[in-house]
């Protein structure tokens, strides 16, 4: 059986050498650290030799690793030179992160805009919580992300403001001494906002259900486990209703953050698409232009 080396795995090896470590190399390659480690493992398995060894708390090249690094640089130089002679452009992919609250509404419009502006570039989406997406952008595994900022003090470009509403099951909640709250697991700015508002209004609050996902929070609300504080985009989610008679919750900022070194044209195009979406949504138009 013939043995072939994966070009992307070789690029990872060179990135580790040039950036000085696995963490920095993952950022340079715009992939997660587990994915980068997998590249190394697959390369070691293909070559049947160890390329790295522990040196205290860090990793260093083994003698075999140093030899492979030399050959990797030669292979990549020849490979890239051949592509240049053949006038073949390397396809690129834009990785976009988005909080769950805005996925169904924003992503189709964002995909259309990016596809039209950059027809030779693919687009991949990563859905997650704001805290997770901030970390992914900082590491370079996500190019840009739309995140929720209830405090209004986070970094990034302001996209607009989203109204916050209290949501409950269709049936009226049973009267109780404590207020039942369904919330995201900590850390969560929406959870902190809800607890503060309810405490100021004199409610004794019990967090009766938590989840790491929006669908989990909505499932808890639909089951009648409590009330949740969520951004309102395009009406109430299916199977629940807006609950009145509670403290006004105000708004949360929707921000766009971008990794260091991202093409400014991509960053500006995505930001404009996000702002255009909010400006074109009737329930958000006035608040996003405030």
C-alpha atoms as a PDB file:
ATOM      1  CA  UNK A   1       0.000   0.000   0.000  1.00  0.00           C
ATOM      2  CA  UNK A   2       1.404   3.401  -0.995  1.00  0.00           C
ATOM      3  CA  UNK A   3       1.893   6.129   1.600  1.00  0.00           C
ATOM      4  CA  UNK A   4       0.848   9.718   0.912  1.00  0.00           C
ATOM      5  CA  UNK A   5       1.259  12.804   3.062  1.00  0.00           C
ATOM      6  CA  UNK A   6      -1.611  15.228   3.651  1.00  0.00           C
ATOM      7  CA  UNK A   7      -0.640  18.771   2.616  1.00  0.00           C
ATOM      8  CA  UNK A   8      -2.734  20.351   5.376  1.00  0.00           C
ATOM      9  CA  UNK A   9      -1.037  18.182   7.999  1.00  0.00           C
ATOM     10  CA  UNK A  10       2.347  19.324   6.710  1.00  0.00           C
ATOM     11  CA  UNK A  11       1.202  22.956   6.892  1.00  0.00           C
ATOM     12  CA  UNK A  12       0.264  22.357  10.519  1.00  0.00           C
ATOM     13  CA  UNK A  13       3.710  20.955  11.265  1.00  0.00           C
ATOM     14  CA  UNK A  14       5.408  24.028   9.761  1.00  0.00           C
ATOM     15  CA  UNK A  15       3.002  26.359  11.621  1.00  0.00           C
ATOM     16  CA  UNK A  16       3.959  24.750  14.951  1.00  0.00           C
ATOM     17  CA  UNK A  17       7.641  25.316  14.202  1.00  0.00           C
ATOM     18  CA  UNK A  18       7.204  28.899  13.027  1.00  0.00           C
ATOM     19  CA  UNK A  19       4.764  30.055  15.708  1.00  0.00           C
ATOM     20  CA  UNK A  20       6.498  28.346  18.608  1.00  0.00           C
ATOM     21  CA  UNK A  21       3.806  26.033  19.922  1.00  0.00           C
ATOM     22  CA  UNK A  22       0.524  24.202  19.441  1.00  0.00           C
ATOM     23  CA  UNK A  23      -1.757  26.955  20.780  1.00  0.00           C
ATOM     24  CA  UNK A  24      -0.332  29.714  18.602  1.00  0.00           C
ATOM     25  CA  UNK A  25      -0.221  27.395  15.590  1.00  0.00           C
ATOM     26  CA  UNK A  26      -3.929  26.614  15.974  1.00  0.00           C
ATOM     27  CA  UNK A  27      -4.678  30.338  15.828  1.00  0.00           C
ATOM     28  CA  UNK A  28      -2.463  30.772  12.772  1.00  0.00           C
ATOM     29  CA  UNK A  29      -4.149  27.838  11.020  1.00  0.00           C
ATOM     30  CA  UNK A  30      -7.639  29.000  12.122  1.00  0.00           C
ATOM     31  CA  UNK A  31      -8.485  25.598  13.574  1.00  0.00           C
ATOM     32  CA  UNK A  32      -9.150  24.366  17.100  1.00  0.00           C
ATOM     33  CA  UNK A  33      -6.290  22.959  19.170  1.00  0.00           C
ATOM     34  CA  UNK A  34      -7.867  19.452  19.235  1.00  0.00           C
ATOM     35  CA  UNK A  35      -8.020  19.532  15.416  1.00  0.00           C
ATOM     36  CA  UNK A  36      -4.379  20.608  15.251  1.00  0.00           C
ATOM     37  CA  UNK A  37      -3.348  17.791  17.607  1.00  0.00           C
ATOM     38  CA  UNK A  38      -5.256  15.357  15.401  1.00  0.00           C
ATOM     39  CA  UNK A  39      -3.215  16.544  12.383  1.00  0.00           C
ATOM     40  CA  UNK A  40      -0.032  15.698  14.273  1.00  0.00           C
ATOM     41  CA  UNK A  41      -1.312  12.274  15.377  1.00  0.00           C
ATOM     42  CA  UNK A  42      -2.354  11.341  11.831  1.00  0.00           C
ATOM     43  CA  UNK A  43       1.002  12.461  10.465  1.00  0.00           C
ATOM     44  CA  UNK A  44       2.822  10.390  13.101  1.00  0.00           C
ATOM     45  CA  UNK A  45       0.644   7.389  12.297  1.00  0.00           C
ATOM     46  CA  UNK A  46       1.318   7.722   8.558  1.00  0.00           C
ATOM     47  CA  UNK A  47       5.104   8.027   9.062  1.00  0.00           C
ATOM     48  CA  UNK A  48       5.176   5.533  11.955  1.00  0.00           C
ATOM     49  CA  UNK A  49       7.403   7.725  14.105  1.00  0.00           C
ATOM     50  CA  UNK A  50       7.044  10.256  16.910  1.00  0.00           C
ATOM     51  CA  UNK A  51       7.437  13.862  15.836  1.00  0.00           C
ATOM     52  CA  UNK A  52       7.149  15.528  19.266  1.00  0.00           C
ATOM     53  CA  UNK A  53       8.168  14.806  22.828  1.00  0.00           C
ATOM     54  CA  UNK A  54       7.488  16.529  26.135  1.00  0.00           C
ATOM     55  CA  UNK A  55       9.994  19.050  27.414  1.00  0.00           C
ATOM     56  CA  UNK A  56       8.719  20.096  30.834  1.00  0.00           C
ATOM     57  CA  UNK A  57       5.344  21.730  30.221  1.00  0.00           C
ATOM     58  CA  UNK A  58       5.900  22.199  26.493  1.00  0.00           C
ATOM     59  CA  UNK A  59       6.376  19.999  23.432  1.00  0.00           C
ATOM     60  CA  UNK A  60       9.460  19.952  21.246  1.00  0.00           C
ATOM     61  CA  UNK A  61      10.401  18.268  17.978  1.00  0.00           C
ATOM     62  CA  UNK A  62      12.088  14.884  18.195  1.00  0.00           C
ATOM     63  CA  UNK A  63      15.083  14.253  15.882  1.00  0.00           C
ATOM     64  CA  UNK A  64      12.664  12.469  13.532  1.00  0.00           C
ATOM     65  CA  UNK A  65      10.343  15.461  13.786  1.00  0.00           C
ATOM     66  CA  UNK A  66      13.129  17.825  12.768  1.00  0.00           C
ATOM     67  CA  UNK A  67      13.893  15.678   9.695  1.00  0.00           C
ATOM     68  CA  UNK A  68      10.208  15.581   8.703  1.00  0.00           C
ATOM     69  CA  UNK A  69       9.967  19.372   9.181  1.00  0.00           C
ATOM     70  CA  UNK A  70      12.781  19.927   6.672  1.00  0.00           C
ATOM     71  CA  UNK A  71      11.050  17.726   4.103  1.00  0.00           C
ATOM     72  CA  UNK A  72       7.660  19.300   4.835  1.00  0.00           C
ATOM     73  CA  UNK A  73       9.013  22.741   3.948  1.00  0.00           C
ATOM     74  CA  UNK A  74      10.431  21.364   0.671  1.00  0.00           C
ATOM     75  CA  UNK A  75       7.151  19.625  -0.238  1.00  0.00           C
ATOM     76  CA  UNK A  76       5.041  22.718   0.513  1.00  0.00           C
ATOM     77  CA  UNK A  77       7.375  24.993  -1.454  1.00  0.00           C
ATOM     78  CA  UNK A  78       7.148  22.725  -4.511  1.00  0.00           C
ATOM     79  CA  UNK A  79       3.396  22.245  -4.095  1.00  0.00           C
ATOM     80  CA  UNK A  80       2.645  25.975  -3.824  1.00  0.00           C
ATOM     81  CA  UNK A  81       5.014  26.869  -6.662  1.00  0.00           C
ATOM     82  CA  UNK A  82       3.257  24.369  -8.934  1.00  0.00           C
ATOM     83  CA  UNK A  83      -0.163  25.809  -8.085  1.00  0.00           C
ATOM     84  CA  UNK A  84       1.136  29.291  -8.858  1.00  0.00           C
ATOM     85  CA  UNK A  85       2.458  28.167 -12.256  1.00  0.00           C
ATOM     86  CA  UNK A  86      -0.887  26.541 -13.019  1.00  0.00           C
ATOM     87  CA  UNK A  87      -2.674  29.708 -11.830  1.00  0.00           C
ATOM     88  CA  UNK A  88      -4.787  27.722  -9.388  1.00  0.00           C
ATOM     89  CA  UNK A  89      -6.153  29.811  -6.521  1.00  0.00           C
ATOM     90  CA  UNK A  90      -6.406  28.211  -3.110  1.00  0.00           C
ATOM     91  CA  UNK A  91     -10.096  28.065  -2.120  1.00  0.00           C
ATOM     92  CA  UNK A  92     -10.794  29.689   1.223  1.00  0.00           C
ATOM     93  CA  UNK A  93     -13.561  29.280   3.752  1.00  0.00           C
ATOM     94  CA  UNK A  94     -15.035  31.957   6.007  1.00  0.00           C
ATOM     95  CA  UNK A  95     -16.050  30.513   9.366  1.00  0.00           C
ATOM     96  CA  UNK A  96     -18.906  32.499  10.913  1.00  0.00           C
ATOM     97  CA  UNK A  97     -20.093  32.048  14.486  1.00  0.00           C
ATOM     98  CA  UNK A  98     -23.557  33.024  15.689  1.00  0.00           C
ATOM     99  CA  UNK A  99     -25.501  32.826  18.931  1.00  0.00           C
ATOM    100  CA  UNK A 100     -28.524  30.536  18.806  1.00  0.00           C
ATOM    101  CA  UNK A 101     -30.967  33.430  19.347  1.00  0.00           C
ATOM    102  CA  UNK A 102     -30.331  34.835  15.855  1.00  0.00           C
ATOM    103  CA  UNK A 103     -29.570  31.713  13.817  1.00  0.00           C
ATOM    104  CA  UNK A 104     -32.832  31.143  11.933  1.00  0.00           C
ATOM    105  CA  UNK A 105     -33.314  34.817  11.131  1.00  0.00           C
ATOM    106  CA  UNK A 106     -29.819  36.125  10.398  1.00  0.00           C
ATOM    107  CA  UNK A 107     -27.793  33.301   8.878  1.00  0.00           C
ATOM    108  CA  UNK A 108     -29.714  32.863   5.593  1.00  0.00           C
ATOM    109  CA  UNK A 109     -29.295  36.575   4.820  1.00  0.00           C
ATOM    110  CA  UNK A 110     -25.647  36.525   5.910  1.00  0.00           C
ATOM    111  CA  UNK A 111     -24.914  33.477   3.734  1.00  0.00           C
ATOM    112  CA  UNK A 112     -26.537  35.141   0.714  1.00  0.00           C
ATOM    113  CA  UNK A 113     -24.532  38.348   1.219  1.00  0.00           C
ATOM    114  CA  UNK A 114     -21.165  36.609   1.681  1.00  0.00           C
ATOM    115  CA  UNK A 115     -21.778  34.291  -1.282  1.00  0.00           C
ATOM    116  CA  UNK A 116     -22.573  37.226  -3.552  1.00  0.00           C
ATOM    117  CA  UNK A 117     -19.606  39.297  -2.335  1.00  0.00           C
ATOM    118  CA  UNK A 118     -17.075  36.427  -2.345  1.00  0.00           C
ATOM    119  CA  UNK A 119     -18.292  33.823  -4.882  1.00  0.00           C
ATOM    120  CA  UNK A 120     -15.039  31.813  -4.776  1.00  0.00           C
ATOM    121  CA  UNK A 121     -15.092  31.548  -0.984  1.00  0.00           C
ATOM    122  CA  UNK A 122     -17.020  28.944   0.985  1.00  0.00           C
ATOM    123  CA  UNK A 123     -18.853  29.720   4.225  1.00  0.00           C
ATOM    124  CA  UNK A 124     -19.044  27.504   7.297  1.00  0.00           C
ATOM    125  CA  UNK A 125     -21.126  28.286  10.385  1.00  0.00           C
ATOM    126  CA  UNK A 126     -20.531  27.518  14.051  1.00  0.00           C
ATOM    127  CA  UNK A 127     -23.475  27.906  16.420  1.00  0.00           C
ATOM    128  CA  UNK A 128     -22.851  28.397  20.126  1.00  0.00           C
ATOM    129  CA  UNK A 129     -23.049  30.558  23.218  1.00  0.00           C
ATOM    130  CA  UNK A 130     -21.458  33.996  23.274  1.00  0.00           C
ATOM    131  CA  UNK A 131     -18.762  33.019  25.795  1.00  0.00           C
ATOM    132  CA  UNK A 132     -17.777  30.053  23.628  1.00  0.00           C
ATOM    133  CA  UNK A 133     -17.696  32.148  20.435  1.00  0.00           C
ATOM    134  CA  UNK A 134     -15.541  34.873  22.006  1.00  0.00           C
ATOM    135  CA  UNK A 135     -13.014  32.166  22.846  1.00  0.00           C
ATOM    136  CA  UNK A 136     -13.139  30.648  19.342  1.00  0.00           C
ATOM    137  CA  UNK A 137     -12.535  34.027  17.683  1.00  0.00           C
ATOM    138  CA  UNK A 138      -9.646  34.778  20.058  1.00  0.00           C
ATOM    139  CA  UNK A 139      -8.048  31.428  19.174  1.00  0.00           C
ATOM    140  CA  UNK A 140      -8.570  32.044  15.450  1.00  0.00           C
ATOM    141  CA  UNK A 141     -10.729  28.958  14.792  1.00  0.00           C
ATOM    142  CA  UNK A 142     -13.674  31.241  13.914  1.00  0.00           C
ATOM    143  CA  UNK A 143     -13.194  34.232  11.592  1.00  0.00           C
ATOM    144  CA  UNK A 144     -16.050  36.371  12.881  1.00  0.00           C
ATOM    145  CA  UNK A 145     -19.021  35.907  15.175  1.00  0.00           C
ATOM    146  CA  UNK A 146     -22.266  37.583  16.144  1.00  0.00           C
ATOM    147  CA  UNK A 147     -22.575  37.506  19.929  1.00  0.00           C
ATOM    148  CA  UNK A 148     -24.985  38.749  22.570  1.00  0.00           C
ATOM    149  CA  UNK A 149     -23.794  41.378  25.048  1.00  0.00           C
ATOM    150  CA  UNK A 150     -26.386  42.184  27.754  1.00  0.00           C
ATOM    151  CA  UNK A 151     -23.915  44.470  29.583  1.00  0.00           C
ATOM    152  CA  UNK A 152     -23.187  46.697  26.579  1.00  0.00           C
ATOM    153  CA  UNK A 153     -19.504  46.781  27.526  1.00  0.00           C
ATOM    154  CA  UNK A 154     -17.972  43.927  25.504  1.00  0.00           C
ATOM    155  CA  UNK A 155     -15.527  44.390  22.649  1.00  0.00           C
ATOM    156  CA  UNK A 156     -16.533  44.282  18.999  1.00  0.00           C
ATOM    157  CA  UNK A 157     -18.628  46.190  16.489  1.00  0.00           C
ATOM    158  CA  UNK A 158     -22.119  47.281  17.485  1.00  0.00           C
ATOM    159  CA  UNK A 159     -24.671  45.627  15.168  1.00  0.00           C
ATOM    160  CA  UNK A 160     -27.852  46.698  16.941  1.00  0.00           C
ATOM    161  CA  UNK A 161     -30.075  46.295  19.961  1.00  0.00           C
ATOM    162  CA  UNK A 162     -32.383  43.354  20.626  1.00  0.00           C
ATOM    163  CA  UNK A 163     -35.408  43.742  22.938  1.00  0.00           C
ATOM    164  CA  UNK A 164     -35.501  41.378  25.909  1.00  0.00           C
ATOM    165  CA  UNK A 165     -38.768  39.701  26.886  1.00  0.00           C
ATOM    166  CA  UNK A 166     -39.979  37.333  29.580  1.00  0.00           C
ATOM    167  CA  UNK A 167     -41.329  34.064  28.159  1.00  0.00           C
ATOM    168  CA  UNK A 168     -43.497  31.416  29.827  1.00  0.00           C
ATOM    169  CA  UNK A 169     -45.663  28.420  28.937  1.00  0.00           C
ATOM    170  CA  UNK A 170     -49.136  29.226  27.527  1.00  0.00           C
ATOM    171  CA  UNK A 171     -50.883  28.301  30.787  1.00  0.00           C
ATOM    172  CA  UNK A 172     -50.681  30.702  33.705  1.00  0.00           C
ATOM    173  CA  UNK A 173     -47.962  29.787  36.250  1.00  0.00           C
ATOM    174  CA  UNK A 174     -49.110  28.408  39.593  1.00  0.00           C
ATOM    175  CA  UNK A 175     -48.813  30.989  42.374  1.00  0.00           C
ATOM    176  CA  UNK A 176     -45.808  30.258  44.585  1.00  0.00           C
ATOM    177  CA  UNK A 177     -43.629  31.959  47.173  1.00  0.00           C
ATOM    178  CA  UNK A 178     -40.599  31.776  44.901  1.00  0.00           C
ATOM    179  CA  UNK A 179     -40.276  32.832  41.264  1.00  0.00           C
ATOM    180  CA  UNK A 180     -39.227  29.919  39.018  1.00  0.00           C
ATOM    181  CA  UNK A 181     -36.552  30.898  36.497  1.00  0.00           C
ATOM    182  CA  UNK A 182     -35.310  28.841  33.545  1.00  0.00           C
ATOM    183  CA  UNK A 183     -31.867  30.029  32.447  1.00  0.00           C
ATOM    184  CA  UNK A 184     -28.642  29.207  30.676  1.00  0.00           C
ATOM    185  CA  UNK A 185     -25.846  27.686  32.710  1.00  0.00           C
ATOM    186  CA  UNK A 186     -23.309  30.154  34.080  1.00  0.00           C
ATOM    187  CA  UNK A 187     -21.556  32.238  32.944  1.00  0.00           C
ATOM    188  CA  UNK A 188     -24.470  34.001  31.234  1.00  0.00           C
ATOM    189  CA  UNK A 189     -25.231  37.723  31.017  1.00  0.00           C
ATOM    190  CA  UNK A 190     -28.965  37.107  30.452  1.00  0.00           C
ATOM    191  CA  UNK A 191     -29.167  35.009  33.599  1.00  0.00           C
ATOM    192  CA  UNK A 192     -27.448  37.739  35.615  1.00  0.00           C
ATOM    193  CA  UNK A 193     -29.810  40.378  34.175  1.00  0.00           C
ATOM    194  CA  UNK A 194     -32.894  38.290  35.017  1.00  0.00           C
ATOM    195  CA  UNK A 195     -31.790  37.613  38.605  1.00  0.00           C
ATOM    196  CA  UNK A 196     -30.967  41.286  39.209  1.00  0.00           C
ATOM    197  CA  UNK A 197     -34.282  42.558  37.789  1.00  0.00           C
ATOM    198  CA  UNK A 198     -36.358  40.064  39.748  1.00  0.00           C
ATOM    199  CA  UNK A 199     -34.469  40.761  42.981  1.00  0.00           C
ATOM    200  CA  UNK A 200     -35.003  44.514  42.533  1.00  0.00           C
ATOM    201  CA  UNK A 201     -38.736  43.832  42.100  1.00  0.00           C
ATOM    202  CA  UNK A 202     -38.828  41.933  45.404  1.00  0.00           C
ATOM    203  CA  UNK A 203     -39.088  38.395  44.022  1.00  0.00           C
ATOM    204  CA  UNK A 204     -37.461  35.440  45.715  1.00  0.00           C
ATOM    205  CA  UNK A 205     -36.023  33.512  42.800  1.00  0.00           C
ATOM    206  CA  UNK A 206     -35.254  29.839  42.344  1.00  0.00           C
ATOM    207  CA  UNK A 207     -33.470  28.666  39.191  1.00  0.00           C
ATOM    208  CA  UNK A 208     -35.527  25.562  38.494  1.00  0.00           C
ATOM    209  CA  UNK A 209     -33.910  24.468  35.211  1.00  0.00           C
ATOM    210  CA  UNK A 210     -30.694  25.237  33.348  1.00  0.00           C
ATOM    211  CA  UNK A 211     -29.273  24.318  29.955  1.00  0.00           C
ATOM    212  CA  UNK A 212     -26.240  25.031  27.820  1.00  0.00           C
ATOM    213  CA  UNK A 213     -28.428  25.484  24.722  1.00  0.00           C
ATOM    214  CA  UNK A 214     -31.323  27.710  23.678  1.00  0.00           C
ATOM    215  CA  UNK A 215     -33.414  24.679  22.748  1.00  0.00           C
ATOM    216  CA  UNK A 216     -32.898  23.311  26.253  1.00  0.00           C
ATOM    217  CA  UNK A 217     -34.057  26.576  27.849  1.00  0.00           C
ATOM    218  CA  UNK A 218     -37.119  26.691  25.562  1.00  0.00           C
ATOM    219  CA  UNK A 219     -37.955  23.068  26.380  1.00  0.00           C
ATOM    220  CA  UNK A 220     -37.890  23.922  30.089  1.00  0.00           C
ATOM    221  CA  UNK A 221     -40.219  26.880  29.533  1.00  0.00           C
ATOM    222  CA  UNK A 222     -42.630  24.849  27.377  1.00  0.00           C
ATOM    223  CA  UNK A 223     -42.748  22.193  30.108  1.00  0.00           C
ATOM    224  CA  UNK A 224     -43.893  24.831  32.592  1.00  0.00           C
ATOM    225  CA  UNK A 225     -40.730  24.686  34.697  1.00  0.00           C
ATOM    226  CA  UNK A 226     -40.467  28.461  34.865  1.00  0.00           C
ATOM    227  CA  UNK A 227     -40.036  31.756  33.039  1.00  0.00           C
ATOM    228  CA  UNK A 228     -37.016  32.713  30.900  1.00  0.00           C
ATOM    229  CA  UNK A 229     -35.544  36.045  29.836  1.00  0.00           C
ATOM    230  CA  UNK A 230     -34.639  35.937  26.119  1.00  0.00           C
ATOM    231  CA  UNK A 231     -34.072  38.300  23.176  1.00  0.00           C
ATOM    232  CA  UNK A 232     -37.104  38.807  20.964  1.00  0.00           C
ATOM    233  CA  UNK A 233     -36.459  38.366  17.234  1.00  0.00           C
ATOM    234  CA  UNK A 234     -39.410  37.754  14.931  1.00  0.00           C
ATOM    235  CA  UNK A 235     -42.071  37.045  17.580  1.00  0.00           C
ATOM    236  CA  UNK A 236     -42.401  34.520  20.392  1.00  0.00           C
ATOM    237  CA  UNK A 237     -40.758  31.090  19.928  1.00  0.00           C
ATOM    238  CA  UNK A 238     -43.149  28.235  19.140  1.00  0.00           C
ATOM    239  CA  UNK A 239     -45.122  26.870  22.078  1.00  0.00           C
ATOM    240  CA  UNK A 240     -44.500  29.718  24.542  1.00  0.00           C
ATOM    241  CA  UNK A 241     -45.856  33.228  25.095  1.00  0.00           C
ATOM    242  CA  UNK A 242     -44.555  36.566  26.260  1.00  0.00           C
ATOM    243  CA  UNK A 243     -45.279  37.011  29.947  1.00  0.00           C
ATOM    244  CA  UNK A 244     -46.410  40.448  31.126  1.00  0.00           C
ATOM    245  CA  UNK A 245     -46.487  42.011  34.573  1.00  0.00           C
ATOM    246  CA  UNK A 246     -42.753  41.586  35.151  1.00  0.00           C
ATOM    247  CA  UNK A 247     -39.998  44.245  35.281  1.00  0.00           C
ATOM    248  CA  UNK A 248     -39.089  45.822  31.936  1.00  0.00           C
ATOM    249  CA  UNK A 249     -35.960  44.012  30.801  1.00  0.00           C
ATOM    250  CA  UNK A 250     -34.634  46.580  28.326  1.00  0.00           C
ATOM    251  CA  UNK A 251     -32.344  45.482  25.508  1.00  0.00           C
ATOM    252  CA  UNK A 252     -29.192  43.489  24.804  1.00  0.00           C
ATOM    253  CA  UNK A 253     -26.479  44.479  22.370  1.00  0.00           C
ATOM    254  CA  UNK A 254     -25.779  42.301  19.367  1.00  0.00           C
ATOM    255  CA  UNK A 255     -22.098  42.661  18.493  1.00  0.00           C
ATOM    256  CA  UNK A 256     -19.839  41.315  15.794  1.00  0.00           C
ATOM    257  CA  UNK A 257     -16.304  40.312  16.722  1.00  0.00           C
ATOM    258  CA  UNK A 258     -13.570  39.352  14.247  1.00  0.00           C
ATOM    259  CA  UNK A 259     -10.291  37.523  14.589  1.00  0.00           C
ATOM    260  CA  UNK A 260      -7.031  39.399  14.263  1.00  0.00           C
ATOM    261  CA  UNK A 261      -5.820  39.532  10.665  1.00  0.00           C
ATOM    262  CA  UNK A 262      -9.191  38.921   8.992  1.00  0.00           C
ATOM    263  CA  UNK A 263      -9.552  40.545   5.564  1.00  0.00           C
ATOM    264  CA  UNK A 264     -11.123  43.986   6.280  1.00  0.00           C
ATOM    265  CA  UNK A 265     -13.442  43.613   3.274  1.00  0.00           C
ATOM    266  CA  UNK A 266     -14.921  40.399   4.711  1.00  0.00           C
ATOM    267  CA  UNK A 267     -15.309  42.020   8.140  1.00  0.00           C
ATOM    268  CA  UNK A 268     -17.032  45.111   6.720  1.00  0.00           C
ATOM    269  CA  UNK A 269     -19.325  43.075   4.454  1.00  0.00           C
ATOM    270  CA  UNK A 270     -20.501  40.809   7.295  1.00  0.00           C
ATOM    271  CA  UNK A 271     -21.047  43.768   9.628  1.00  0.00           C
ATOM    272  CA  UNK A 272     -23.112  45.613   6.996  1.00  0.00           C
ATOM    273  CA  UNK A 273     -25.198  42.461   6.406  1.00  0.00           C
ATOM    274  CA  UNK A 274     -25.942  42.170  10.127  1.00  0.00           C
ATOM    275  CA  UNK A 275     -26.943  45.804  10.410  1.00  0.00           C
ATOM    276  CA  UNK A 276     -29.078  45.627   7.264  1.00  0.00           C
ATOM    277  CA  UNK A 277     -30.900  42.603   8.680  1.00  0.00           C
ATOM    278  CA  UNK A 278     -31.815  44.422  11.890  1.00  0.00           C
ATOM    279  CA  UNK A 279     -32.807  47.558   9.994  1.00  0.00           C
ATOM    280  CA  UNK A 280     -35.086  45.478   7.767  1.00  0.00           C
ATOM    281  CA  UNK A 281     -36.825  43.616  10.617  1.00  0.00           C
ATOM    282  CA  UNK A 282     -40.022  45.552  11.487  1.00  0.00           C
ATOM    283  CA  UNK A 283     -40.045  44.661  15.193  1.00  0.00           C
ATOM    284  CA  UNK A 284     -36.408  45.717  15.537  1.00  0.00           C
ATOM    285  CA  UNK A 285     -36.135  48.619  13.075  1.00  0.00           C
ATOM    286  CA  UNK A 286     -36.752  51.458  15.527  1.00  0.00           C
ATOM    287  CA  UNK A 287     -34.671  50.018  18.305  1.00  0.00           C
ATOM    288  CA  UNK A 288     -31.692  49.109  16.104  1.00  0.00           C
ATOM    289  CA  UNK A 289     -31.596  52.625  14.663  1.00  0.00           C
ATOM    290  CA  UNK A 290     -31.897  54.329  18.055  1.00  0.00           C
END
